[in-house]
Each structure stands twice: as structure tokens, then as C-alpha cells.
């Protein structure tokens, strides 16, 4: 597989690419409608071909869900001071991983 194929990010949202560098995904990912739209956009960009760009995008979405479940070791603790408000109040739940897994299945 060529390196161009591995790095292909055509159609992948900017915040789901390596150069983004943001600690958390944006607020649009932290609401059910926005999350589903982002997953749909990644699936559309992927078509029926898995590239490094689509793998990274799906992986970042899964990571964000996981992080929301385990952001705090103790729920009575305050979040880290640099945590955006949309992350603190995020409704992302583990069950949303099924949305990502279903999208991955359609791409494969």
C-alpha cells in the first residue's frame, strides 16, 4: 500500500486529522445529533476503503467516548482546569461506540 493511501484524509474533518493537535474534539461531537453527523461524514469520506485518515478519524471518535467515561477518577473531583465546558457536561456514553462500530462495518 502506498504512503499516499495510508495518509489519505480527503473529506475527513480537520479536527479528525493529525495536524489538529487539539486535546478534545469540538463541541459538535458532544451531542448526539452532531456526533452522528460526524460519523456519517467520516463514513462518506471513507466510501468502502479504509485509509490511515479514516482509521484515525474513527479511532479519535472512540477515544473521545472512552475519555468522557474516565475523565475523572472520582466523580466528586473537579475536572482538570483546562477542560472545556462542553467536555465537562458531555453526554457521550459507551453505547455511542456502537454507532462508530456500525459505521466501520459499512466501510469494510
Protein backbone atom coordinates (compact mmCIF):
# COMPACT_ATOMS: atom_id res chain seq x y z
CA UNK A 1 0.00 0.00 0.00
CA UNK A 2 1.41 3.39 -0.94
CA UNK A 3 2.09 6.01 1.73
CA UNK A 4 -0.35 8.35 -0.04
CA UNK A 5 -3.12 5.78 0.52
CA UNK A 6 -2.21 5.43 4.20
CA UNK A 7 -2.30 9.18 4.76
CA UNK A 8 -5.42 9.89 2.70
CA UNK A 9 -7.66 12.34 4.53
CA UNK A 10 -9.77 13.61 1.64
CA UNK A 11 -13.17 14.52 3.05
CA UNK A 12 -12.14 13.99 6.68
CA UNK A 13 -12.99 16.88 9.01
CA UNK A 14 -9.95 18.96 10.02
CA UNK A 15 -10.30 18.20 13.73
CA UNK A 16 -10.04 14.45 12.98
CA UNK A 17 -6.64 14.73 11.31
CA UNK A 18 -3.12 14.50 12.77
CA UNK A 19 -2.30 18.23 12.42
CA UNK A 20 -5.26 19.25 14.60
CA UNK A 21 -3.40 18.92 17.90
CA UNK A 22 -6.48 19.70 20.00
CA UNK A 23 -6.77 17.91 23.32
CA UNK A 24 -10.53 17.32 22.97
CA UNK A 25 -12.83 17.06 19.97
CA UNK A 26 -15.09 20.10 19.44
CA UNK A 27 -18.50 20.67 21.00
CA UNK A 28 -20.34 19.39 17.90
CA UNK A 29 -19.09 15.89 18.71
CA UNK A 30 -20.50 16.10 22.23
CA UNK A 31 -24.15 15.99 21.28
CA UNK A 32 -25.95 13.02 19.79
CA UNK A 33 -27.08 14.66 16.55
CA UNK A 34 -23.67 16.24 15.93
CA UNK A 35 -21.88 13.00 16.78
CA UNK A 36 -23.99 11.02 14.32
CA UNK A 37 -23.39 13.65 11.63
CA UNK A 38 -19.62 13.48 12.16
CA UNK A 39 -19.66 9.66 11.96
CA UNK A 40 -21.73 9.90 8.77
CA UNK A 41 -19.24 12.37 7.24
CA UNK A 42 -16.30 10.09 8.04
CA UNK A 43 -18.15 7.09 6.56
CA UNK A 44 -18.95 9.04 3.42
CA UNK A 45 -15.34 10.14 3.05
CA UNK A 46 -14.19 6.55 3.52
CA UNK A 47 -16.55 5.09 0.93
CA UNK A 48 -15.62 1.41 1.01
CA UNK A 49 -11.91 1.90 1.52
CA UNK A 50 -10.06 2.05 4.81
CA UNK A 51 -7.17 4.51 4.82
CA UNK A 52 -4.97 5.91 7.54
CA UNK A 53 -7.16 9.00 7.60
CA UNK A 54 -10.40 7.11 8.17
CA UNK A 55 -8.80 4.80 10.72
CA UNK A 56 -7.51 7.80 12.67
CA UNK A 57 -10.90 9.57 12.49
CA UNK A 58 -12.85 6.57 13.77
CA UNK A 59 -10.20 5.98 16.45
CA UNK A 60 -10.38 9.56 17.70
CA UNK A 61 -14.17 9.31 17.99
CA UNK A 62 -13.86 6.10 20.00
CA UNK A 63 -11.14 7.65 22.18
CA UNK A 64 -13.33 10.67 22.92
CA UNK A 65 -16.17 8.44 24.13
CA UNK A 66 -13.77 6.48 26.34
CA UNK A 67 -12.26 9.67 27.76
CA UNK A 68 -15.66 11.02 28.76
CA UNK A 69 -16.31 7.91 30.84
CA UNK A 70 -12.97 8.05 32.63
CA UNK A 71 -12.10 11.77 32.68
CA UNK A 72 -12.32 11.83 36.44
CA UNK A 73 -11.02 9.10 38.71
CA UNK A 74 -13.59 10.23 41.27
CA UNK A 75 -16.80 11.95 40.05
CA UNK A 76 -16.76 14.22 43.10
CA UNK A 77 -13.43 15.73 41.94
CA UNK A 78 -13.22 18.87 39.85
CA UNK A 79 -12.16 18.33 36.24
CA UNK A 80 -8.70 19.49 35.15
CA UNK A 81 -8.67 23.31 34.84
CA UNK A 82 -8.13 23.27 31.05
CA UNK A 83 -11.22 21.11 30.42
CA UNK A 84 -13.78 22.84 28.16
CA UNK A 85 -17.33 23.12 29.49
CA UNK A 86 -18.74 21.01 26.63
CA UNK A 87 -16.47 18.18 27.76
CA UNK A 88 -17.43 18.51 31.44
CA UNK A 89 -21.13 18.25 30.56
CA UNK A 90 -20.72 15.80 27.68
CA UNK A 91 -23.47 13.23 27.21
CA UNK A 92 -21.14 10.82 25.36
CA UNK A 93 -21.77 7.30 26.63
CA UNK A 94 -20.14 3.96 25.92
CA UNK A 95 -23.23 2.90 23.93
CA UNK A 96 -22.31 5.53 21.32
CA UNK A 97 -19.37 3.32 20.39
CA UNK A 98 -21.91 1.09 18.64
CA UNK A 99 -22.60 3.96 16.20
CA UNK A 100 -18.90 4.06 15.31
CA UNK A 101 -18.60 0.27 15.07
CA UNK A 102 -21.63 0.10 12.76
CA UNK A 103 -20.04 2.77 10.52
CA UNK A 104 -16.75 0.87 10.45
CA UNK A 105 -18.62 -2.29 9.44
CA UNK A 106 -20.20 -0.49 6.47
CA UNK A 107 -16.79 0.77 5.33
CA UNK A 108 -15.22 -2.68 5.49
